[in-house]
Amino acid sequence: EDRQYVLDRYDNNIRYINDELERLYTRLGPNDIVVYFADHGEEFWDH
């Protein structure tokens, strides 16, 4: 339960980023190139 609070906050921010990106995507046309990527992940006590 305590660890889940950290994960929940993490997910909040992922959703926030992607909601803001919707504004930028609407400025692009069908011939534009978009590359969506991350530099690395995050360990939440997996190991």
ModelCIF file with pLDDT and N, C-alpha, C, O atoms, coordinates in Angstrom:
data_MODEL
#
_entry.id   MODEL 
#
_entity.id                         1 
_entity.type                       polymer 
_entity.pdbx_number_of_molecules   1 
#
_entity_poly.entity_id                      1 
_entity_poly.type                           'polypeptide(L)' 
_entity_poly.nstd_linkage                   no 
_entity_poly.nstd_monomer                   no 
_entity_poly.pdbx_seq_one_letter_code       EDRQYVLDRYDNNIRYINDELERLYTRLGPNDIVVYFADHGEEFWDH 
_entity_poly.pdbx_seq_one_letter_code_can   EDRQYVLDRYDNNIRYINDELERLYTRLGPNDIVVYFADHGEEFWDH 
_entity_poly.pdbx_strand_id                 A 
#
loop_
_entity_poly_seq.entity_id 
_entity_poly_seq.num 
_entity_poly_seq.mon_id 
_entity_poly_seq.hetero 
1 1  GLU n 
1 2  ASP n 
1 3  ARG n 
1 4  GLN n 
1 5  TYR n 
1 6  VAL n 
1 7  LEU n 
1 8  ASP n 
1 9  ARG n 
1 10 TYR n 
1 11 ASP n 
1 12 ASN n 
1 13 ASN n 
1 14 ILE n 
1 15 ARG n 
1 16 TYR n 
1 17 ILE n 
1 18 ASN n 
1 19 ASP n 
1 20 GLU n 
1 21 LEU n 
1 22 GLU n 
1 23 ARG n 
1 24 LEU n 
1 25 TYR n 
1 26 THR n 
1 27 ARG n 
1 28 LEU n 
1 29 GLY n 
1 30 PRO n 
1 31 ASN n 
1 32 ASP n 
1 33 ILE n 
1 34 VAL n 
1 35 VAL n 
1 36 TYR n 
1 37 PHE n 
1 38 ALA n 
1 39 ASP n 
1 40 HIS n 
1 41 GLY n 
1 42 GLU n 
1 43 GLU n 
1 44 PHE n 
1 45 TRP n 
1 46 ASP n 
1 47 HIS n 
#
_struct_asym.id          A 
_struct_asym.entity_id   1 
#
loop_
_ma_qa_metric.id 
_ma_qa_metric.mode 
_ma_qa_metric.name 
_ma_qa_metric.software_group_id 
_ma_qa_metric.type 
1 global pLDDT . pLDDT 
2 local  pLDDT . pLDDT 
#
_ma_qa_metric_global.metric_id      1 
_ma_qa_metric_global.metric_value   96.66 
_ma_qa_metric_global.model_id       1 
_ma_qa_metric_global.ordinal_id     1 
#
loop_
_ma_qa_metric_local.label_asym_id 
_ma_qa_metric_local.label_comp_id 
_ma_qa_metric_local.label_seq_id 
_ma_qa_metric_local.metric_id 
_ma_qa_metric_local.metric_value 
_ma_qa_metric_local.model_id 
_ma_qa_metric_local.ordinal_id 
A GLU 1  2 92.00 1 1  
A ASP 2  2 92.00 1 2  
A ARG 3  2 95.00 1 3  
A GLN 4  2 96.00 1 4  
A TYR 5  2 95.00 1 5  
A VAL 6  2 96.00 1 6  
A LEU 7  2 97.00 1 7  
A ASP 8  2 97.00 1 8  
A ARG 9  2 97.00 1 9  
A TYR 10 2 98.00 1 10 
A ASP 11 2 98.00 1 11 
A ASN 12 2 98.00 1 12 
A ASN 13 2 98.00 1 13 
A ILE 14 2 98.00 1 14 
A ARG 15 2 98.00 1 15 
A TYR 16 2 98.00 1 16 
A ILE 17 2 98.00 1 17 
A ASN 18 2 98.00 1 18 
A ASP 19 2 98.00 1 19 
A GLU 20 2 98.00 1 20 
A LEU 21 2 98.00 1 21 
A GLU 22 2 98.00 1 22 
A ARG 23 2 97.00 1 23 
A LEU 24 2 98.00 1 24 
A TYR 25 2 97.00 1 25 
A THR 26 2 96.00 1 26 
A ARG 27 2 95.00 1 27 
A LEU 28 2 95.00 1 28 
A GLY 29 2 93.00 1 29 
A PRO 30 2 92.00 1 30 
A ASN 31 2 93.00 1 31 
A ASP 32 2 97.00 1 32 
A ILE 33 2 98.00 1 33 
A VAL 34 2 98.00 1 34 
A VAL 35 2 98.00 1 35 
A TYR 36 2 98.00 1 36 
A PHE 37 2 98.00 1 37 
A ALA 38 2 98.00 1 38 
A ASP 39 2 98.00 1 39 
A HIS 40 2 98.00 1 40 
A GLY 41 2 98.00 1 41 
A GLU 42 2 98.00 1 42 
A GLU 43 2 97.00 1 43 
A PHE 44 2 96.00 1 44 
A TRP 45 2 95.00 1 45 
A ASP 46 2 95.00 1 46 
A HIS 47 2 96.00 1 47 
#
loop_
_atom_site.group_PDB 
_atom_site.id 
_atom_site.type_symbol 
_atom_site.label_atom_id 
_atom_site.label_alt_id 
_atom_site.label_comp_id 
_atom_site.label_asym_id 
_atom_site.label_entity_id 
_atom_site.label_seq_id 
_atom_site.pdbx_PDB_ins_code 
_atom_site.Cartn_x 
_atom_site.Cartn_y 
_atom_site.Cartn_z 
_atom_site.occupancy 
_atom_site.B_iso_or_equiv 
_atom_site.pdbx_formal_charge 
_atom_site.auth_seq_id 
_atom_site.auth_comp_id 
_atom_site.auth_asym_id 
_atom_site.auth_atom_id 
_atom_site.pdbx_PDB_model_num 
ATOM 1   N N  . GLU A 1 1  ? 0.825  -1.206 0.000   1.00 92.00 ? 1  GLU A N  1 
ATOM 2   C CA . GLU A 1 1  ? 0.000  0.000  0.000   1.00 92.00 ? 1  GLU A CA 1 
ATOM 3   C C  . GLU A 1 1  ? 0.863  1.261  0.000   1.00 92.00 ? 1  GLU A C  1 
ATOM 4   O O  . GLU A 1 1  ? 0.581  2.216  -0.724  1.00 92.00 ? 1  GLU A O  1 
ATOM 5   N N  . ASP A 1 2  ? 1.920  1.253  0.822   1.00 92.00 ? 2  ASP A N  1 
ATOM 6   C CA . ASP A 1 2  ? 2.797  2.416  0.862   1.00 92.00 ? 2  ASP A CA 1 
ATOM 7   C C  . ASP A 1 2  ? 3.557  2.586  -0.448  1.00 92.00 ? 2  ASP A C  1 
ATOM 8   O O  . ASP A 1 2  ? 3.712  3.701  -0.947  1.00 92.00 ? 2  ASP A O  1 
ATOM 9   N N  . ARG A 1 3  ? 4.021  1.484  -0.992  1.00 95.00 ? 3  ARG A N  1 
ATOM 10  C CA . ARG A 1 3  ? 4.734  1.562  -2.264  1.00 95.00 ? 3  ARG A CA 1 
ATOM 11  C C  . ARG A 1 3  ? 3.802  1.975  -3.402  1.00 95.00 ? 3  ARG A C  1 
ATOM 12  O O  . ARG A 1 3  ? 4.220  2.638  -4.351  1.00 95.00 ? 3  ARG A O  1 
ATOM 13  N N  . GLN A 1 4  ? 2.553  1.578  -3.295  1.00 96.00 ? 4  GLN A N  1 
ATOM 14  C CA . GLN A 1 4  ? 1.602  1.907  -4.354  1.00 96.00 ? 4  GLN A CA 1 
ATOM 15  C C  . GLN A 1 4  ? 1.393  3.416  -4.467  1.00 96.00 ? 4  GLN A C  1 
ATOM 16  O O  . GLN A 1 4  ? 1.142  3.924  -5.560  1.00 96.00 ? 4  GLN A O  1 
ATOM 17  N N  . TYR A 1 5  ? 1.494  4.126  -3.361  1.00 95.00 ? 5  TYR A N  1 
ATOM 18  C CA . TYR A 1 5  ? 1.350  5.583  -3.423  1.00 95.00 ? 5  TYR A CA 1 
ATOM 19  C C  . TYR A 1 5  ? 2.421  6.194  -4.331  1.00 95.00 ? 5  TYR A C  1 
ATOM 20  O O  . TYR A 1 5  ? 2.130  7.117  -5.092  1.00 95.00 ? 5  TYR A O  1 
ATOM 21  N N  . VAL A 1 6  ? 3.652  5.689  -4.258  1.00 96.00 ? 6  VAL A N  1 
ATOM 22  C CA . VAL A 1 6  ? 4.723  6.179  -5.126  1.00 96.00 ? 6  VAL A CA 1 
ATOM 23  C C  . VAL A 1 6  ? 4.395  5.871  -6.585  1.00 96.00 ? 6  VAL A C  1 
ATOM 24  O O  . VAL A 1 6  ? 4.554  6.728  -7.454  1.00 96.00 ? 6  VAL A O  1 
ATOM 25  N N  . LEU A 1 7  ? 3.946  4.669  -6.850  1.00 97.00 ? 7  LEU A N  1 
ATOM 26  C CA . LEU A 1 7  ? 3.581  4.286  -8.215  1.00 97.00 ? 7  LEU A CA 1 
ATOM 27  C C  . LEU A 1 7  ? 2.418  5.130  -8.735  1.00 97.00 ? 7  LEU A C  1 
ATOM 28  O O  . LEU A 1 7  ? 2.391  5.506  -9.907  1.00 97.00 ? 7  LEU A O  1 
ATOM 29  N N  . ASP A 1 8  ? 1.465  5.423  -7.863  1.00 97.00 ? 8  ASP A N  1 
ATOM 30  C CA . ASP A 1 8  ? 0.313  6.220  -8.281  1.00 97.00 ? 8  ASP A CA 1 
ATOM 31  C C  . ASP A 1 8  ? 0.732  7.629  -8.678  1.00 97.00 ? 8  ASP A C  1 
ATOM 32  O O  . ASP A 1 8  ? 0.235  8.179  -9.661  1.00 97.00 ? 8  ASP A O  1 
ATOM 33  N N  . ARG A 1 9  ? 1.642  8.204  -7.913  1.00 97.00 ? 9  ARG A N  1 
ATOM 34  C CA . ARG A 1 9  ? 2.129  9.543  -8.249  1.00 97.00 ? 9  ARG A CA 1 
ATOM 35  C C  . ARG A 1 9  ? 2.910  9.518  -9.568  1.00 97.00 ? 9  ARG A C  1 
ATOM 36  O O  . ARG A 1 9  ? 2.814  10.441 -10.377 1.00 97.00 ? 9  ARG A O  1 
ATOM 37  N N  . TYR A 1 10 ? 3.668  8.466  -9.765  1.00 98.00 ? 10 TYR A N  1 
ATOM 38  C CA . TYR A 1 10 ? 4.411  8.278  -11.026 1.00 98.00 ? 10 TYR A CA 1 
ATOM 39  C C  . TYR A 1 10 ? 3.435  8.237  -12.201 1.00 98.00 ? 10 TYR A C  1 
ATOM 40  O O  . TYR A 1 10 ? 3.653  8.895  -13.218 1.00 98.00 ? 10 TYR A O  1 
ATOM 41  N N  . ASP A 1 11 ? 2.369  7.471  -12.060 1.00 98.00 ? 11 ASP A N  1 
ATOM 42  C CA . ASP A 1 11 ? 1.379  7.361  -13.128 1.00 98.00 ? 11 ASP A CA 1 
ATOM 43  C C  . ASP A 1 11 ? 0.663  8.684  -13.367 1.00 98.00 ? 11 ASP A C  1 
ATOM 44  O O  . ASP A 1 11 ? 0.351  9.021  -14.509 1.00 98.00 ? 11 ASP A O  1 
ATOM 45  N N  . ASN A 1 12 ? 0.399  9.439  -12.298 1.00 98.00 ? 12 ASN A N  1 
ATOM 46  C CA . ASN A 1 12 ? -0.190 10.770 -12.467 1.00 98.00 ? 12 ASN A CA 1 
ATOM 47  C C  . ASN A 1 12 ? 0.621  11.598 -13.443 1.00 98.00 ? 12 ASN A C  1 
ATOM 48  O O  . ASN A 1 12 ? 0.065  12.248 -14.329 1.00 98.00 ? 12 ASN A O  1 
ATOM 49  N N  . ASN A 1 13 ? 1.945  11.575 -13.279 1.00 98.00 ? 13 ASN A N  1 
ATOM 50  C CA . ASN A 1 13 ? 2.819  12.409 -14.089 1.00 98.00 ? 13 ASN A CA 1 
ATOM 51  C C  . ASN A 1 13 ? 2.933  11.917 -15.516 1.00 98.00 ? 13 ASN A C  1 
ATOM 52  O O  . ASN A 1 13 ? 3.042  12.722 -16.441 1.00 98.00 ? 13 ASN A O  1 
ATOM 53  N N  . ILE A 1 14 ? 2.908  10.602 -15.709 1.00 98.00 ? 14 ILE A N  1 
ATOM 54  C CA . ILE A 1 14 ? 2.907  10.073 -17.074 1.00 98.00 ? 14 ILE A CA 1 
ATOM 55  C C  . ILE A 1 14 ? 1.651  10.533 -17.813 1.00 98.00 ? 14 ILE A C  1 
ATOM 56  O O  . ILE A 1 14 ? 1.710  10.929 -18.977 1.00 98.00 ? 14 ILE A O  1 
ATOM 57  N N  . ARG A 1 15 ? 0.518  10.472 -17.118 1.00 98.00 ? 15 ARG A N  1 
ATOM 58  C CA . ARG A 1 15 ? -0.730 10.921 -17.745 1.00 98.00 ? 15 ARG A CA 1 
ATOM 59  C C  . ARG A 1 15 ? -0.681 12.422 -18.052 1.00 98.00 ? 15 ARG A C  1 
ATOM 60  O O  . ARG A 1 15 ? -1.143 12.858 -19.106 1.00 98.00 ? 15 ARG A O  1 
ATOM 61  N N  . TYR A 1 16 ? -0.123 13.202 -17.135 1.00 98.00 ? 16 TYR A N  1 
ATOM 62  C CA . TYR A 1 16 ? -0.010 14.649 -17.333 1.00 98.00 ? 16 TYR A CA 1 
ATOM 63  C C  . TYR A 1 16 ? 0.829  14.980 -18.572 1.00 98.00 ? 16 TYR A C  1 
ATOM 64  O O  . TYR A 1 16 ? 0.428  15.808 -19.390 1.00 98.00 ? 16 TYR A O  1 
ATOM 65  N N  . ILE A 1 17 ? 1.980  14.340 -18.708 1.00 98.00 ? 17 ILE A N  1 
ATOM 66  C CA . ILE A 1 17 ? 2.824  14.572 -19.886 1.00 98.00 ? 17 ILE A CA 1 
ATOM 67  C C  . ILE A 1 17 ? 2.034  14.302 -21.164 1.00 98.00 ? 17 ILE A C  1 
ATOM 68  O O  . ILE A 1 17 ? 2.015  15.120 -22.083 1.00 98.00 ? 17 ILE A O  1 
ATOM 69  N N  . ASN A 1 18 ? 1.395  13.164 -21.205 1.00 98.00 ? 18 ASN A N  1 
ATOM 70  C CA . ASN A 1 18 ? 0.728  12.760 -22.438 1.00 98.00 ? 18 ASN A CA 1 
ATOM 71  C C  . ASN A 1 18 ? -0.530 13.575 -22.720 1.00 98.00 ? 18 ASN A C  1 
ATOM 72  O O  . ASN A 1 18 ? -0.912 13.725 -23.881 1.00 98.00 ? 18 ASN A O  1 
ATOM 73  N N  . ASP A 1 19 ? -1.170 14.093 -21.705 1.00 98.00 ? 19 ASP A N  1 
ATOM 74  C CA . ASP A 1 19 ? -2.293 14.998 -21.940 1.00 98.00 ? 19 ASP A CA 1 
ATOM 75  C C  . ASP A 1 19 ? -1.795 16.318 -22.522 1.00 98.00 ? 19 ASP A C  1 
ATOM 76  O O  . ASP A 1 19 ? -2.431 16.875 -23.417 1.00 98.00 ? 19 ASP A O  1 
ATOM 77  N N  . GLU A 1 20 ? -0.667 16.826 -22.027 1.00 98.00 ? 20 GLU A N  1 
ATOM 78  C CA . GLU A 1 20 ? -0.112 18.058 -22.585 1.00 98.00 ? 20 GLU A CA 1 
ATOM 79  C C  . GLU A 1 20 ? 0.352  17.861 -24.027 1.00 98.00 ? 20 GLU A C  1 
ATOM 80  O O  . GLU A 1 20 ? 0.223  18.765 -24.853 1.00 98.00 ? 20 GLU A O  1 
ATOM 81  N N  . LEU A 1 21 ? 0.888  16.687 -24.326 1.00 98.00 ? 21 LEU A N  1 
ATOM 82  C CA . LEU A 1 21 ? 1.369  16.425 -25.682 1.00 98.00 ? 21 LEU A CA 1 
ATOM 83  C C  . LEU A 1 21 ? 0.250  16.459 -26.712 1.00 98.00 ? 21 LEU A C  1 
ATOM 84  O O  . LEU A 1 21 ? 0.506  16.716 -27.889 1.00 98.00 ? 21 LEU A O  1 
ATOM 85  N N  . GLU A 1 22 ? -0.962 16.209 -26.300 1.00 98.00 ? 22 GLU A N  1 
ATOM 86  C CA . GLU A 1 22 ? -2.086 16.260 -27.233 1.00 98.00 ? 22 GLU A CA 1 
ATOM 87  C C  . GLU A 1 22 ? -2.146 17.626 -27.910 1.00 98.00 ? 22 GLU A C  1 
ATOM 88  O O  . GLU A 1 22 ? -2.464 17.717 -29.096 1.00 98.00 ? 22 GLU A O  1 
ATOM 89  N N  . ARG A 1 23 ? -1.842 18.692 -27.163 1.00 97.00 ? 23 ARG A N  1 
ATOM 90  C CA . ARG A 1 23 ? -1.858 20.042 -27.749 1.00 97.00 ? 23 ARG A CA 1 
ATOM 91  C C  . ARG A 1 23 ? -0.833 20.173 -28.866 1.00 97.00 ? 23 ARG A C  1 
ATOM 92  O O  . ARG A 1 23 ? -1.092 20.813 -29.885 1.00 97.00 ? 23 ARG A O  1 
ATOM 93  N N  . LEU A 1 24 ? 0.335  19.562 -28.669 1.00 98.00 ? 24 LEU A N  1 
ATOM 94  C CA . LEU A 1 24 ? 1.401  19.664 -29.667 1.00 98.00 ? 24 LEU A CA 1 
ATOM 95  C C  . LEU A 1 24 ? 1.111  18.799 -30.883 1.00 98.00 ? 24 LEU A C  1 
ATOM 96  O O  . LEU A 1 24 ? 1.377  19.202 -32.015 1.00 98.00 ? 24 LEU A O  1 
ATOM 97  N N  . TYR A 1 25 ? 0.567  17.614 -30.650 1.00 97.00 ? 25 TYR A N  1 
ATOM 98  C CA . TYR A 1 25 ? 0.255  16.732 -31.769 1.00 97.00 ? 25 TYR A CA 1 
ATOM 99  C C  . TYR A 1 25 ? -0.728 17.380 -32.746 1.00 97.00 ? 25 TYR A C  1 
ATOM 100 O O  . TYR A 1 25 ? -0.656 17.145 -33.952 1.00 97.00 ? 25 TYR A O  1 
ATOM 101 N N  . THR A 1 26 ? -1.647 18.198 -32.219 1.00 96.00 ? 26 THR A N  1 
ATOM 102 C CA . THR A 1 26 ? -2.644 18.809 -33.102 1.00 96.00 ? 26 THR A CA 1 
ATOM 103 C C  . THR A 1 26 ? -2.024 19.824 -34.057 1.00 96.00 ? 26 THR A C  1 
ATOM 104 O O  . THR A 1 26 ? -2.661 20.213 -35.036 1.00 96.00 ? 26 THR A O  1 
ATOM 105 N N  . ARG A 1 27 ? -0.797 20.256 -33.793 1.00 95.00 ? 27 ARG A N  1 
ATOM 106 C CA . ARG A 1 27 ? -0.113 21.208 -34.665 1.00 95.00 ? 27 ARG A CA 1 
ATOM 107 C C  . ARG A 1 27 ? 0.614  20.528 -35.820 1.00 95.00 ? 27 ARG A C  1 
ATOM 108 O O  . ARG A 1 27 ? 1.130  21.203 -36.711 1.00 95.00 ? 27 ARG A O  1 
ATOM 109 N N  . LEU A 1 28 ? 0.659  19.214 -35.812 1.00 95.00 ? 28 LEU A N  1 
ATOM 110 C CA . LEU A 1 28 ? 1.435  18.485 -36.812 1.00 95.00 ? 28 LEU A CA 1 
ATOM 111 C C  . LEU A 1 28 ? 0.552  17.979 -37.935 1.00 95.00 ? 28 LEU A C  1 
ATOM 112 O O  . LEU A 1 28 ? -0.648 17.770 -37.757 1.00 95.00 ? 28 LEU A O  1 
ATOM 113 N N  . GLY A 1 29 ? 1.166  17.785 -39.099 1.00 93.00 ? 29 GLY A N  1 
ATOM 114 C CA . GLY A 1 29 ? 0.448  17.289 -40.257 1.00 93.00 ? 29 GLY A CA 1 
ATOM 115 C C  . GLY A 1 29 ? 0.777  15.842 -40.565 1.00 93.00 ? 29 GLY A C  1 
ATOM 116 O O  . GLY A 1 29 ? 1.638  15.253 -39.911 1.00 93.00 ? 29 GLY A O  1 
ATOM 117 N N  . PRO A 1 30 ? 0.114  15.263 -41.540 1.00 92.00 ? 30 PRO A N  1 
ATOM 118 C CA . PRO A 1 30 ? 0.310  13.835 -41.852 1.00 92.00 ? 30 PRO A CA 1 
ATOM 119 C C  . PRO A 1 30 ? 1.700  13.507 -42.369 1.00 92.00 ? 30 PRO A C  1 
ATOM 120 O O  . PRO A 1 30 ? 2.121  12.352 -42.297 1.00 92.00 ? 30 PRO A O  1 
ATOM 121 N N  . ASN A 1 31 ? 2.427  14.496 -42.891 1.00 93.00 ? 31 ASN A N  1 
ATOM 122 C CA . ASN A 1 31 ? 3.768  14.233 -43.421 1.00 93.00 ? 31 ASN A CA 1 
ATOM 123 C C  . ASN A 1 31 ? 4.877  14.495 -42.421 1.00 93.00 ? 31 ASN A C  1 
ATOM 124 O O  . ASN A 1 31 ? 6.056  14.351 -42.746 1.00 93.00 ? 31 ASN A O  1 
ATOM 125 N N  . ASP A 1 32 ? 4.512  14.877 -41.212 1.00 97.00 ? 32 ASP A N  1 
ATOM 126 C CA . ASP A 1 32 ? 5.514  15.144 -40.186 1.00 97.00 ? 32 ASP A CA 1 
ATOM 127 C C  . ASP A 1 32 ? 5.956  13.841 -39.519 1.00 97.00 ? 32 ASP A C  1 
ATOM 128 O O  . ASP A 1 32 ? 5.216  12.859 -39.482 1.00 97.00 ? 32 ASP A O  1 
ATOM 129 N N  . ILE A 1 33 ? 7.177  13.861 -38.998 1.00 98.00 ? 33 ILE A N  1 
ATOM 130 C CA . ILE A 1 33 ? 7.764  12.695 -38.329 1.00 98.00 ? 33 ILE A CA 1 
ATOM 131 C C  . ILE A 1 33 ? 7.714  12.924 -36.824 1.00 98.00 ? 33 ILE A C  1 
ATOM 132 O O  . ILE A 1 33 ? 8.119  13.978 -36.335 1.00 98.00 ? 33 ILE A O  1 
ATOM 133 N N  . VAL A 1 34 ? 7.217  11.934 -36.099 1.00 98.00 ? 34 VAL A N  1 
ATOM 134 C CA . VAL A 1 34 ? 7.192  11.985 -34.641 1.00 98.00 ? 34 VAL A CA 1 
ATOM 135 C C  . VAL A 1 34 ? 7.886  10.739 -34.105 1.00 98.00 ? 34 VAL A C  1 
ATOM 136 O O  . VAL A 1 34 ? 7.571  9.622  -34.513 1.00 98.00 ? 34 VAL A O  1 
ATOM 137 N N  . VAL A 1 35 ? 8.831  10.934 -33.188 1.00 98.00 ? 35 VAL A N  1 
ATOM 138 C CA . VAL A 1 35 ? 9.511  9.818  -32.522 1.00 98.00 ? 35 VAL A CA 1 
ATOM 139 C C  . VAL A 1 35 ? 9.291  9.977  -31.016 1.00 98.00 ? 35 VAL A C  1 
ATOM 140 O O  . VAL A 1 35 ? 9.750  10.947 -30.412 1.00 98.00 ? 35 VAL A O  1 
ATOM 141 N N  . TYR A 1 36 ? 8.596  9.029  -30.429 1.00 98.00 ? 36 TYR A N  1 
ATOM 142 C CA . TYR A 1 36 ? 8.302  9.046  -28.991 1.00 98.00 ? 36 TYR A CA 1 
ATOM 143 C C  . TYR A 1 36 ? 9.168  7.988  -28.325 1.00 98.00 ? 36 TYR A C  1 
ATOM 144 O O  . TYR A 1 36 ? 9.130  6.820  -28.711 1.00 98.00 ? 36 TYR A O  1 
ATOM 145 N N  . PHE A 1 37 ? 9.959  8.397  -27.310 1.00 98.00 ? 37 PHE A N  1 
ATOM 146 C CA . PHE A 1 37 ? 10.879 7.454  -26.677 1.00 98.00 ? 37 PHE A CA 1 
ATOM 147 C C  . PHE A 1 37 ? 11.197 7.907  -25.260 1.00 98.00 ? 37 PHE A C  1 
ATOM 148 O O  . PHE A 1 37 ? 10.952 9.054  -24.889 1.00 98.00 ? 37 PHE A O  1 
ATOM 149 N N  . ALA A 1 38 ? 11.744 6.993  -24.481 1.00 98.00 ? 38 ALA A N  1 
ATOM 150 C CA . ALA A 1 38 ? 12.296 7.305  -23.160 1.00 98.00 ? 38 ALA A CA 1 
ATOM 151 C C  . ALA A 1 38 ? 13.772 6.961  -23.156 1.00 98.00 ? 38 ALA A C  1 
ATOM 152 O O  . ALA A 1 38 ? 14.238 6.149  -23.955 1.00 98.00 ? 38 ALA A O  1 
ATOM 153 N N  . ASP A 1 39 ? 14.501 7.590  -22.247 1.00 98.00 ? 39 ASP A N  1 
ATOM 154 C CA . ASP A 1 39 ? 15.927 7.299  -22.133 1.00 98.00 ? 39 ASP A CA 1 
ATOM 155 C C  . ASP A 1 39 ? 16.204 6.079  -21.275 1.00 98.00 ? 39 ASP A C  1 
ATOM 156 O O  . ASP A 1 39 ? 17.225 5.416  -21.459 1.00 98.00 ? 39 ASP A O  1 
ATOM 157 N N  . HIS A 1 40 ? 15.322 5.773  -20.350 1.00 98.00 ? 40 HIS A N  1 
ATOM 158 C CA . HIS A 1 40 ? 15.456 4.624  -19.454 1.00 98.00 ? 40 HIS A CA 1 
ATOM 159 C C  . HIS A 1 40 ? 14.149 4.486  -18.688 1.00 98.00 ? 40 HIS A C  1 
ATOM 160 O O  . HIS A 1 40 ? 13.264 5.334  -18.795 1.00 98.00 ? 40 HIS A O  1 
ATOM 161 N N  . GLY A 1 41 ? 14.037 3.415  -17.919 1.00 98.00 ? 41 GLY A N  1 
ATOM 162 C CA . GLY A 1 41 ? 12.855 3.218  -17.094 1.00 98.00 ? 41 GLY A CA 1 
ATOM 163 C C  . GLY A 1 41 ? 13.098 3.620  -15.650 1.00 98.00 ? 41 GLY A C  1 
ATOM 164 O O  . GLY A 1 41 ? 13.820 4.576  -15.368 1.00 98.00 ? 41 GLY A O  1 
ATOM 165 N N  . GLU A 1 42 ? 12.481 2.873  -14.740 1.00 98.00 ? 42 GLU A N  1 
ATOM 166 C CA . GLU A 1 42 ? 12.592 3.156  -13.316 1.00 98.00 ? 42 GLU A CA 1 
ATOM 167 C C  . GLU A 1 42 ? 12.385 1.853  -12.551 1.00 98.00 ? 42 GLU A C  1 
ATOM 168 O O  . GLU A 1 42 ? 11.514 1.055  -12.899 1.00 98.00 ? 42 GLU A O  1 
ATOM 169 N N  . GLU A 1 43 ? 13.190 1.638  -11.504 1.00 97.00 ? 43 GLU A N  1 
ATOM 170 C CA . GLU A 1 43 ? 12.973 0.445  -10.683 1.00 97.00 ? 43 GLU A CA 1 
ATOM 171 C C  . GLU A 1 43 ? 12.105 0.811  -9.491  1.00 97.00 ? 43 GLU A C  1 
ATOM 172 O O  . GLU A 1 43 ? 12.405 1.741  -8.742  1.00 97.00 ? 43 GLU A O  1 
ATOM 173 N N  . PHE A 1 44 ? 11.023 0.061  -9.332  1.00 96.00 ? 44 PHE A N  1 
ATOM 174 C CA . PHE A 1 44 ? 10.162 0.177  -8.162  1.00 96.00 ? 44 PHE A CA 1 
ATOM 175 C C  . PHE A 1 44 ? 10.236 -1.133 -7.376  1.00 96.00 ? 44 PHE A C  1 
ATOM 176 O O  . PHE A 1 44 ? 9.262  -1.879 -7.275  1.00 96.00 ? 44 PHE A O  1 
ATOM 177 N N  . TRP A 1 45 ? 11.411 -1.381 -6.829  1.00 95.00 ? 45 TRP A N  1 
ATOM 178 C CA . TRP A 1 45 ? 11.662 -2.543 -5.980  1.00 95.00 ? 45 TRP A CA 1 
ATOM 179 C C  . TRP A 1 45 ? 11.562 -3.873 -6.738  1.00 95.00 ? 45 TRP A C  1 
ATOM 180 O O  . TRP A 1 45 ? 11.423 -4.923 -6.110  1.00 95.00 ? 45 TRP A O  1 
ATOM 181 N N  . ASP A 1 46 ? 11.631 -3.849 -8.083  1.00 95.00 ? 46 ASP A N  1 
ATOM 182 C CA . ASP A 1 46 ? 11.539 -5.085 -8.870  1.00 95.00 ? 46 ASP A CA 1 
ATOM 183 C C  . ASP A 1 46 ? 12.633 -6.063 -8.479  1.00 95.00 ? 46 ASP A C  1 
ATOM 184 O O  . ASP A 1 46 ? 12.390 -7.264 -8.359  1.00 95.00 ? 46 ASP A O  1 
ATOM 185 N N  . HIS A 1 47 ? 13.841 -5.546 -8.281  1.00 96.00 ? 47 HIS A N  1 
ATOM 186 C CA . HIS A 1 47 ? 14.971 -6.382 -7.875  1.00 96.00 ? 47 HIS A CA 1 
ATOM 187 C C  . HIS A 1 47 ? 15.566 -5.872 -6.559  1.00 96.00 ? 47 HIS A C  1 
ATOM 188 O O  . HIS A 1 47 ? 16.529 -6.448 -6.053  1.00 96.00 ? 47 HIS A O  1 
#
